[in-house]
Amino acid sequence: LALLHQEEAYGGEIVDRLAAFPGLAISAGTAYPLLSRLKRSGLIASVWRESPVGPPRKYYRLTADGEESFADLARAWNGMKNDMDQLLGTDVAP
């Protein structure tokens, strides 16, 4: 949801962006079922667009419910992060 909160993207682009974060990297075989589940739950929508190279691509974007869900998750994450920072001390190196 965080990637689609920033801007819409097609599946391969989402996989490529997540690859920049080793702890979050997923395969296309994992990404597409997740995107399908998010779409069925109403958190994302999709539209087909022509590609400058190759076949058309399905672009995904957050719906209003998806934006709300992302905001809720971000608040929860920030609360947990703040609690962990206090528990571990902000100067603790990994």
PDB file of N, CA and C in Angstrom:
ATOM      1  N   LEU A   1       0.826  -1.196   0.000  1.00  0.00           N
ATOM      2  CA  LEU A   1       0.000   0.000   0.000  1.00  0.00           C
ATOM      3  C   LEU A   1       0.869   1.259   0.000  1.00  0.00           C
ATOM      4  N   ALA A   2       2.003   1.190   0.679  1.00  0.00           N
ATOM      5  CA  ALA A   2       2.868   2.372   0.765  1.00  0.00           C
ATOM      6  C   ALA A   2       3.372   2.798  -0.611  1.00  0.00           C
ATOM      7  N   LEU A   3       3.743   1.839  -1.454  1.00  0.00           N
ATOM      8  CA  LEU A   3       4.227   2.192  -2.791  1.00  0.00           C
ATOM      9  C   LEU A   3       3.122   2.826  -3.622  1.00  0.00           C
ATOM     10  N   LEU A   4       1.914   2.304  -3.506  1.00  0.00           N
ATOM     11  CA  LEU A   4       0.807   2.841  -4.295  1.00  0.00           C
ATOM     12  C   LEU A   4       0.261   4.127  -3.693  1.00  0.00           C
ATOM     13  N   HIS A   5       0.575   4.393  -2.432  1.00  0.00           N
ATOM     14  CA  HIS A   5       0.208   5.679  -1.830  1.00  0.00           C
ATOM     15  C   HIS A   5       1.006   6.799  -2.500  1.00  0.00           C
ATOM     16  N   GLN A   6       2.235   6.496  -2.880  1.00  0.00           N
ATOM     17  CA  GLN A   6       3.098   7.493  -3.515  1.00  0.00           C
ATOM     18  C   GLN A   6       2.636   7.794  -4.932  1.00  0.00           C
ATOM     19  N   GLU A   7       2.346   6.747  -5.700  1.00  0.00           N
ATOM     20  CA  GLU A   7       1.886   6.896  -7.081  1.00  0.00           C
ATOM     21  C   GLU A   7       1.451   5.540  -7.608  1.00  0.00           C
ATOM     22  N   GLU A   8       0.653   5.547  -8.674  1.00  0.00           N
ATOM     23  CA  GLU A   8       0.230   4.273  -9.250  1.00  0.00           C
ATOM     24  C   GLU A   8       1.425   3.580  -9.902  1.00  0.00           C
ATOM     25  N   ALA A   9       1.313   2.264 -10.047  1.00  0.00           N
ATOM     26  CA  ALA A   9       2.421   1.490 -10.617  1.00  0.00           C
ATOM     27  C   ALA A   9       1.881   0.188 -11.182  1.00  0.00           C
ATOM     28  N   TYR A  10       2.619  -0.396 -12.120  1.00  0.00           N
ATOM     29  CA  TYR A  10       2.250  -1.712 -12.639  1.00  0.00           C
ATOM     30  C   TYR A  10       3.002  -2.776 -11.839  1.00  0.00           C
ATOM     31  N   GLY A  11       2.563  -4.020 -11.954  1.00  0.00           N
ATOM     32  CA  GLY A  11       3.089  -5.094 -11.118  1.00  0.00           C
ATOM     33  C   GLY A  11       4.595  -5.242 -11.138  1.00  0.00           C
ATOM     34  N   GLY A  12       5.183  -5.273 -12.325  1.00  0.00           N
ATOM     35  CA  GLY A  12       6.634  -5.421 -12.429  1.00  0.00           C
ATOM     36  C   GLY A  12       7.380  -4.271 -11.788  1.00  0.00           C
ATOM     37  N   GLU A  13       6.815  -3.092 -11.890  1.00  0.00           N
ATOM     38  CA  GLU A  13       7.416  -1.906 -11.281  1.00  0.00           C
ATOM     39  C   GLU A  13       7.385  -2.020  -9.751  1.00  0.00           C
ATOM     40  N   ILE A  14       6.297  -2.540  -9.221  1.00  0.00           N
ATOM     41  CA  ILE A  14       6.183  -2.737  -7.773  1.00  0.00           C
ATOM     42  C   ILE A  14       7.246  -3.725  -7.297  1.00  0.00           C
ATOM     43  N   VAL A  15       7.394  -4.830  -8.013  1.00  0.00           N
ATOM     44  CA  VAL A  15       8.413  -5.833  -7.666  1.00  0.00           C
ATOM     45  C   VAL A  15       9.802  -5.200  -7.708  1.00  0.00           C
ATOM     46  N   ASP A  16      10.085  -4.419  -8.751  1.00  0.00           N
ATOM     47  CA  ASP A  16      11.397  -3.771  -8.881  1.00  0.00           C
ATOM     48  C   ASP A  16      11.651  -2.780  -7.751  1.00  0.00           C
ATOM     49  N   ARG A  17      10.654  -2.000  -7.385  1.00  0.00           N
ATOM     50  CA  ARG A  17      10.831  -1.021  -6.302  1.00  0.00           C
ATOM     51  C   ARG A  17      11.090  -1.718  -4.973  1.00  0.00           C
ATOM     52  N   LEU A  18      10.356  -2.794  -4.721  1.00  0.00           N
ATOM     53  CA  LEU A  18      10.567  -3.526  -3.468  1.00  0.00           C
ATOM     54  C   LEU A  18      11.940  -4.184  -3.426  1.00  0.00           C
ATOM     55  N   ALA A  19      12.500  -4.517  -4.574  1.00  0.00           N
ATOM     56  CA  ALA A  19      13.827  -5.142  -4.629  1.00  0.00           C
ATOM     57  C   ALA A  19      14.905  -4.221  -4.067  1.00  0.00           C
ATOM     58  N   ALA A  20      14.644  -2.920  -4.041  1.00  0.00           N
ATOM     59  CA  ALA A  20      15.604  -1.967  -3.480  1.00  0.00           C
ATOM     60  C   ALA A  20      15.695  -2.102  -1.957  1.00  0.00           C
ATOM     61  N   PHE A  21      14.741  -2.808  -1.363  1.00  0.00           N
ATOM     62  CA  PHE A  21      14.705  -3.025   0.083  1.00  0.00           C
ATOM     63  C   PHE A  21      14.818  -4.530   0.334  1.00  0.00           C
ATOM     64  N   PRO A  22      16.031  -5.035   0.581  1.00  0.00           N
ATOM     65  CA  PRO A  22      16.240  -6.485   0.669  1.00  0.00           C
ATOM     66  C   PRO A  22      15.271  -7.208   1.605  1.00  0.00           C
ATOM     67  N   GLY A  23      14.894  -6.586   2.685  1.00  0.00           N
ATOM     68  CA  GLY A  23      13.973  -7.224   3.617  1.00  0.00           C
ATOM     69  C   GLY A  23      12.538  -7.275   3.119  1.00  0.00           C
ATOM     70  N   LEU A  24      12.246  -6.537   2.050  1.00  0.00           N
ATOM     71  CA  LEU A  24      10.885  -6.469   1.512  1.00  0.00           C
ATOM     72  C   LEU A  24      10.762  -7.062   0.118  1.00  0.00           C
ATOM     73  N   ALA A  25      11.865  -7.492  -0.469  1.00  0.00           N
ATOM     74  CA  ALA A  25      11.851  -7.997  -1.844  1.00  0.00           C
ATOM     75  C   ALA A  25      10.940  -9.215  -1.963  1.00  0.00           C
ATOM     76  N   ILE A  26      10.128  -9.238  -3.028  1.00  0.00           N
ATOM     77  CA  ILE A  26       9.243 -10.368  -3.309  1.00  0.00           C
ATOM     78  C   ILE A  26       9.328 -10.697  -4.794  1.00  0.00           C
ATOM     79  N   SER A  27       8.917 -11.898  -5.134  1.00  0.00           N
ATOM     80  CA  SER A  27       8.913 -12.307  -6.538  1.00  0.00           C
ATOM     81  C   SER A  27       7.596 -11.891  -7.186  1.00  0.00           C
ATOM     82  N   ALA A  28       7.575 -11.905  -8.511  1.00  0.00           N
ATOM     83  CA  ALA A  28       6.337 -11.626  -9.236  1.00  0.00           C
ATOM     84  C   ALA A  28       5.278 -12.662  -8.875  1.00  0.00           C
ATOM     85  N   GLY A  29       5.699 -13.896  -8.641  1.00  0.00           N
ATOM     86  CA  GLY A  29       4.774 -14.953  -8.269  1.00  0.00           C
ATOM     87  C   GLY A  29       4.098 -14.717  -6.924  1.00  0.00           C
ATOM     88  N   THR A  30       4.701 -13.895  -6.103  1.00  0.00           N
ATOM     89  CA  THR A  30       4.096 -13.498  -4.828  1.00  0.00           C
ATOM     90  C   THR A  30       3.303 -12.207  -4.998  1.00  0.00           C
ATOM     91  N   ALA A  31       3.831 -11.276  -5.790  1.00  0.00           N
ATOM     92  CA  ALA A  31       3.211  -9.959  -5.932  1.00  0.00           C
ATOM     93  C   ALA A  31       1.824 -10.018  -6.558  1.00  0.00           C
ATOM     94  N   TYR A  32       1.674 -10.761  -7.643  1.00  0.00           N
ATOM     95  CA  TYR A  32       0.399 -10.730  -8.358  1.00  0.00           C
ATOM     96  C   TYR A  32      -0.761 -11.316  -7.554  1.00  0.00           C
ATOM     97  N   PRO A  33      -0.584 -12.422  -6.833  1.00  0.00           N
ATOM     98  CA  PRO A  33      -1.688 -12.872  -5.970  1.00  0.00           C
ATOM     99  C   PRO A  33      -2.028 -11.857  -4.871  1.00  0.00           C
ATOM    100  N   LEU A  34      -1.007 -11.176  -4.327  1.00  0.00           N
ATOM    101  CA  LEU A  34      -1.268 -10.148  -3.321  1.00  0.00           C
ATOM    102  C   LEU A  34      -2.043  -8.977  -3.918  1.00  0.00           C
ATOM    103  N   LEU A  35      -1.651  -8.554  -5.119  1.00  0.00           N
ATOM    104  CA  LEU A  35      -2.372  -7.466  -5.784  1.00  0.00           C
ATOM    105  C   LEU A  35      -3.817  -7.868  -6.060  1.00  0.00           C
ATOM    106  N   SER A  36      -4.016  -9.097  -6.473  1.00  0.00           N
ATOM    107  CA  SER A  36      -5.366  -9.600  -6.727  1.00  0.00           C
ATOM    108  C   SER A  36      -6.205  -9.585  -5.448  1.00  0.00           C
ATOM    109  N   ARG A  37      -5.613 -10.005  -4.350  1.00  0.00           N
ATOM    110  CA  ARG A  37      -6.323 -10.011  -3.065  1.00  0.00           C
ATOM    111  C   ARG A  37      -6.658  -8.588  -2.613  1.00  0.00           C
ATOM    112  N   LEU A  38      -5.716  -7.662  -2.775  1.00  0.00           N
ATOM    113  CA  LEU A  38      -5.975  -6.264  -2.416  1.00  0.00           C
ATOM    114  C   LEU A  38      -7.091  -5.674  -3.277  1.00  0.00           C
ATOM    115  N   LYS A  39      -7.117  -6.062  -4.546  1.00  0.00           N
ATOM    116  CA  LYS A  39      -8.167  -5.576  -5.448  1.00  0.00           C
ATOM    117  C   LYS A  39      -9.528  -6.134  -5.037  1.00  0.00           C
ATOM    118  N   ARG A  40      -9.593  -7.431  -4.745  1.00  0.00           N
ATOM    119  CA  ARG A  40     -10.858  -8.047  -4.315  1.00  0.00           C
ATOM    120  C   ARG A  40     -11.370  -7.431  -3.020  1.00  0.00           C
ATOM    121  N   SER A  41     -10.459  -7.012  -2.154  1.00  0.00           N
ATOM    122  CA  SER A  41     -10.863  -6.417  -0.882  1.00  0.00           C
ATOM    123  C   SER A  41     -11.204  -4.936  -1.015  1.00  0.00           C
ATOM    124  N   GLY A  42     -11.038  -4.378  -2.214  1.00  0.00           N
ATOM    125  CA  GLY A  42     -11.423  -2.990  -2.455  1.00  0.00           C
ATOM    126  C   GLY A  42     -10.396  -1.950  -2.057  1.00  0.00           C
ATOM    127  N   LEU A  43      -9.180  -2.384  -1.745  1.00  0.00           N
ATOM    128  CA  LEU A  43      -8.144  -1.437  -1.329  1.00  0.00           C
ATOM    129  C   LEU A  43      -7.388  -0.834  -2.503  1.00  0.00           C
ATOM    130  N   ILE A  44      -7.369  -1.537  -3.636  1.00  0.00           N
ATOM    131  CA  ILE A  44      -6.735  -1.006  -4.840  1.00  0.00           C
ATOM    132  C   ILE A  44      -7.670  -1.213  -6.031  1.00  0.00           C
ATOM    133  N   ALA A  45      -7.433  -0.446  -7.077  1.00  0.00           N
ATOM    134  CA  ALA A  45      -8.143  -0.587  -8.349  1.00  0.00           C
ATOM    135  C   ALA A  45      -7.083  -0.667  -9.437  1.00  0.00           C
ATOM    136  N   SER A  46      -7.481  -1.125 -10.613  1.00  0.00           N
ATOM    137  CA  SER A  46      -6.508  -1.243 -11.703  1.00  0.00           C
ATOM    138  C   SER A  46      -7.097  -0.730 -13.006  1.00  0.00           C
ATOM    139  N   VAL A  47      -6.198  -0.353 -13.894  1.00  0.00           N
ATOM    140  CA  VAL A  47      -6.581   0.092 -15.231  1.00  0.00           C
ATOM    141  C   VAL A  47      -5.475  -0.337 -16.196  1.00  0.00           C
ATOM    142  N   TRP A  48      -5.880  -0.787 -17.395  1.00  0.00           N
ATOM    143  CA  TRP A  48      -4.900  -1.157 -18.420  1.00  0.00           C
ATOM    144  C   TRP A  48      -4.459   0.090 -19.162  1.00  0.00           C
ATOM    145  N   ARG A  49      -3.136   0.216 -19.393  1.00  0.00           N
ATOM    146  CA  ARG A  49      -2.578   1.337 -20.151  1.00  0.00           C
ATOM    147  C   ARG A  49      -1.587   0.802 -21.165  1.00  0.00           C
ATOM    148  N   GLU A  50      -1.528   1.478 -22.290  1.00  0.00           N
ATOM    149  CA  GLU A  50      -0.522   1.134 -23.301  1.00  0.00           C
ATOM    150  C   GLU A  50       0.865   1.374 -22.724  1.00  0.00           C
ATOM    151  N   SER A  51       1.790   0.536 -23.124  1.00  0.00           N
ATOM    152  CA  SER A  51       3.177   0.664 -22.702  1.00  0.00           C
ATOM    153  C   SER A  51       3.985   1.263 -23.844  1.00  0.00           C
ATOM    154  N   PRO A  52       4.987   2.089 -23.533  1.00  0.00           N
ATOM    155  CA  PRO A  52       5.836   2.623 -24.597  1.00  0.00           C
ATOM    156  C   PRO A  52       6.602   1.514 -25.320  1.00  0.00           C
ATOM    157  N   VAL A  53       6.819   0.410 -24.611  1.00  0.00           N
ATOM    158  CA  VAL A  53       7.466  -0.768 -25.208  1.00  0.00           C
ATOM    159  C   VAL A  53       6.722  -2.009 -24.742  1.00  0.00           C
ATOM    160  N   GLY A  54       6.389  -2.882 -25.651  1.00  0.00           N
ATOM    161  CA  GLY A  54       5.733  -4.128 -25.274  1.00  0.00           C
ATOM    162  C   GLY A  54       4.224  -4.004 -25.128  1.00  0.00           C
ATOM    163  N   PRO A  55       3.633  -5.020 -24.521  1.00  0.00           N
ATOM    164  CA  PRO A  55       2.173  -5.070 -24.399  1.00  0.00           C
ATOM    165  C   PRO A  55       1.643  -4.078 -23.354  1.00  0.00           C
ATOM    166  N   PRO A  56       0.329  -3.859 -23.342  1.00  0.00           N
ATOM    167  CA  PRO A  56      -0.261  -2.977 -22.316  1.00  0.00           C
ATOM    168  C   PRO A  56       0.053  -3.501 -20.915  1.00  0.00           C
ATOM    169  N   ARG A  57       0.043  -2.586 -19.953  1.00  0.00           N
ATOM    170  CA  ARG A  57       0.341  -2.940 -18.562  1.00  0.00           C
ATOM    171  C   ARG A  57      -0.853  -2.583 -17.683  1.00  0.00           C
ATOM    172  N   LYS A  58      -1.060  -3.392 -16.658  1.00  0.00           N
ATOM    173  CA  LYS A  58      -2.120  -3.110 -15.696  1.00  0.00           C
ATOM    174  C   LYS A  58      -1.523  -2.268 -14.572  1.00  0.00           C
ATOM    175  N   TYR A  59      -2.011  -1.037 -14.455  1.00  0.00           N
ATOM    176  CA  TYR A  59      -1.550  -0.129 -13.409  1.00  0.00           C
ATOM    177  C   TYR A  59      -2.494  -0.195 -12.217  1.00  0.00           C
ATOM    178  N   TYR A  60      -1.914  -0.190 -11.032  1.00  0.00           N
ATOM    179  CA  TYR A  60      -2.677  -0.263  -9.791  1.00  0.00           C
ATOM    180  C   TYR A  60      -2.576   1.065  -9.056  1.00  0.00           C
ATOM    181  N   ARG A  61      -3.660   1.412  -8.374  1.00  0.00           N
ATOM    182  CA  ARG A  61      -3.685   2.620  -7.542  1.00  0.00           C
ATOM    183  C   ARG A  61      -4.534   2.334  -6.313  1.00  0.00           C
ATOM    184  N   LEU A  62      -4.320   3.113  -5.260  1.00  0.00           N
ATOM    185  CA  LEU A  62      -5.131   2.960  -4.060  1.00  0.00           C
ATOM    186  C   LEU A  62      -6.520   3.540  -4.290  1.00  0.00           C
ATOM    187  N   THR A  63      -7.523   2.906  -3.727  1.00  0.00           N
ATOM    188  CA  THR A  63      -8.871   3.457  -3.690  1.00  0.00           C
ATOM    189  C   THR A  63      -8.971   4.327  -2.435  1.00  0.00           C
ATOM    190  N   ALA A  64     -10.120   4.958  -2.228  1.00  0.00           N
ATOM    191  CA  ALA A  64     -10.324   5.741  -1.001  1.00  0.00           C
ATOM    192  C   ALA A  64     -10.182   4.834   0.226  1.00  0.00           C
ATOM    193  N   ASP A  65     -10.743   3.621   0.149  1.00  0.00           N
ATOM    194  CA  ASP A  65     -10.585   2.669   1.263  1.00  0.00           C
ATOM    195  C   ASP A  65      -9.122   2.277   1.446  1.00  0.00           C
ATOM    196  N   GLY A  66      -8.386   2.149   0.346  1.00  0.00           N
ATOM    197  CA  GLY A  66      -6.969   1.825   0.417  1.00  0.00           C
ATOM    198  C   GLY A  66      -6.163   2.936   1.069  1.00  0.00           C
ATOM    199  N   GLU A  67      -6.485   4.180   0.738  1.00  0.00           N
ATOM    200  CA  GLU A  67      -5.803   5.327   1.360  1.00  0.00           C
ATOM    201  C   GLU A  67      -6.072   5.342   2.861  1.00  0.00           C
ATOM    202  N   GLU A  68      -7.322   5.072   3.241  1.00  0.00           N
ATOM    203  CA  GLU A  68      -7.685   5.048   4.657  1.00  0.00           C
ATOM    204  C   GLU A  68      -6.961   3.912   5.380  1.00  0.00           C
ATOM    205  N   SER A  69      -6.916   2.755   4.755  1.00  0.00           N
ATOM    206  CA  SER A  69      -6.221   1.612   5.342  1.00  0.00           C
ATOM    207  C   SER A  69      -4.730   1.901   5.482  1.00  0.00           C
ATOM    208  N   PHE A  70      -4.135   2.513   4.448  1.00  0.00           N
ATOM    209  CA  PHE A  70      -2.719   2.871   4.515  1.00  0.00           C
ATOM    210  C   PHE A  70      -2.464   3.832   5.677  1.00  0.00           C
ATOM    211  N   ALA A  71      -3.319   4.842   5.837  1.00  0.00           N
ATOM    212  CA  ALA A  71      -3.150   5.814   6.924  1.00  0.00           C
ATOM    213  C   ALA A  71      -3.234   5.115   8.283  1.00  0.00           C
ATOM    214  N   ASP A  72      -4.185   4.193   8.434  1.00  0.00           N
ATOM    215  CA  ASP A  72      -4.313   3.444   9.691  1.00  0.00           C
ATOM    216  C   ASP A  72      -3.063   2.613   9.963  1.00  0.00           C
ATOM    217  N   LEU A  73      -2.580   1.915   8.941  1.00  0.00           N
ATOM    218  CA  LEU A  73      -1.382   1.087   9.102  1.00  0.00           C
ATOM    219  C   LEU A  73      -0.149   1.937   9.405  1.00  0.00           C
ATOM    220  N   ALA A  74      -0.033   3.093   8.755  1.00  0.00           N
ATOM    221  CA  ALA A  74       1.113   3.979   8.994  1.00  0.00           C
ATOM    222  C   ALA A  74       1.100   4.493  10.432  1.00  0.00           C
ATOM    223  N   ARG A  75      -0.084   4.855  10.933  1.00  0.00           N
ATOM    224  CA  ARG A  75      -0.184   5.310  12.328  1.00  0.00           C
ATOM    225  C   ARG A  75       0.218   4.185  13.290  1.00  0.00           C
ATOM    226  N   ALA A  76      -0.277   2.989  13.028  1.00  0.00           N
ATOM    227  CA  ALA A  76       0.059   1.853  13.894  1.00  0.00           C
ATOM    228  C   ALA A  76       1.561   1.576  13.858  1.00  0.00           C
ATOM    229  N   TRP A  77       2.145   1.606  12.656  1.00  0.00           N
ATOM    230  CA  TRP A  77       3.587   1.355  12.523  1.00  0.00           C
ATOM    231  C   TRP A  77       4.389   2.419  13.264  1.00  0.00           C
ATOM    232  N   ASN A  78       4.020   3.688  13.105  1.00  0.00           N
ATOM    233  CA  ASN A  78       4.751   4.760  13.777  1.00  0.00           C
ATOM    234  C   ASN A  78       4.668   4.618  15.291  1.00  0.00           C
ATOM    235  N   GLY A  79       3.514   4.222  15.793  1.00  0.00           N
ATOM    236  CA  GLY A  79       3.378   3.999  17.231  1.00  0.00           C
ATOM    237  C   GLY A  79       4.287   2.878  17.705  1.00  0.00           C
ATOM    238  N   MET A  80       4.303   1.764  16.967  1.00  0.00           N
ATOM    239  CA  MET A  80       5.184   0.642  17.324  1.00  0.00           C
ATOM    240  C   MET A  80       6.643   1.040  17.232  1.00  0.00           C
ATOM    241  N   LYS A  81       6.987   1.783  16.172  1.00  0.00           N
ATOM    242  CA  LYS A  81       8.378   2.206  15.986  1.00  0.00           C
ATOM    243  C   LYS A  81       8.817   3.093  17.148  1.00  0.00           C
ATOM    244  N   ASN A  82       7.966   4.037  17.530  1.00  0.00           N
ATOM    245  CA  ASN A  82       8.303   4.916  18.655  1.00  0.00           C
ATOM    246  C   ASN A  82       8.481   4.116  19.942  1.00  0.00           C
ATOM    247  N   ASP A  83       7.595   3.157  20.173  1.00  0.00           N
ATOM    248  CA  ASP A  83       7.720   2.317  21.366  1.00  0.00           C
ATOM    249  C   ASP A  83       9.023   1.525  21.346  1.00  0.00           C
ATOM    250  N   MET A  84       9.374   0.951  20.202  1.00  0.00           N
ATOM    251  CA  MET A  84      10.612   0.176  20.099  1.00  0.00           C
ATOM    252  C   MET A  84      11.839   1.068  20.250  1.00  0.00           C
ATOM    253  N   ASP A  85      11.787   2.278  19.675  1.00  0.00           N
ATOM    254  CA  ASP A  85      12.903   3.211  19.841  1.00  0.00           C
ATOM    255  C   ASP A  85      13.126   3.515  21.320  1.00  0.00           C
ATOM    256  N   GLN A  86      12.038   3.720  22.053  1.00  0.00           N
ATOM    257  CA  GLN A  86      12.162   4.001  23.486  1.00  0.00           C
ATOM    258  C   GLN A  86      12.669   2.774  24.236  1.00  0.00           C
ATOM    259  N   LEU A  87      12.158   1.618  23.869  1.00  0.00           N
ATOM    260  CA  LEU A  87      12.562   0.387  24.541  1.00  0.00           C
ATOM    261  C   LEU A  87      14.038   0.079  24.309  1.00  0.00           C
ATOM    262  N   LEU A  88      14.490   0.248  23.069  1.00  0.00           N
ATOM    263  CA  LEU A  88      15.871  -0.079  22.717  1.00  0.00           C
ATOM    264  C   LEU A  88      16.836   1.074  22.941  1.00  0.00           C
ATOM    265  N   GLY A  89      16.328   2.276  23.013  1.00  0.00           N
ATOM    266  CA  GLY A  89      17.176   3.456  23.091  1.00  0.00           C
ATOM    267  C   GLY A  89      17.462   3.930  21.687  1.00  0.00           C
ATOM    268  N   THR A  90      17.359   5.206  21.431  1.00  0.00           N
ATOM    269  CA  THR A  90      17.495   5.722  20.068  1.00  0.00           C
ATOM    270  C   THR A  90      18.915   5.645  19.537  1.00  0.00           C
ATOM    271  N   ASP A  91      19.909   5.457  20.411  1.00  0.00           N
ATOM    272  CA  ASP A  91      21.296   5.407  19.950  1.00  0.00           C
ATOM    273  C   ASP A  91      21.803   3.979  19.770  1.00  0.00           C
ATOM    274  N   VAL A  92      20.921   2.999  19.833  1.00  0.00           N
ATOM    275  CA  VAL A  92      21.337   1.600  19.716  1.00  0.00           C
ATOM    276  C   VAL A  92      21.577   1.260  18.256  1.00  0.00           C
ATOM    277  N   ALA A  93      22.785   0.785  17.945  1.00  0.00           N
ATOM    278  CA  ALA A  93      23.111   0.369  16.573  1.00  0.00           C
ATOM    279  C   ALA A  93      22.665  -1.074  16.383  1.00  0.00           C
ATOM    280  N   PRO A  94      22.267  -1.429  15.142  1.00  0.00           N
ATOM    281  CA  PRO A  94      21.834  -2.812  14.889  1.00  0.00           C
ATOM    282  C   PRO A  94      22.953  -3.816  15.038  1.00  0.00           C
TER     283      PRO A  94
END
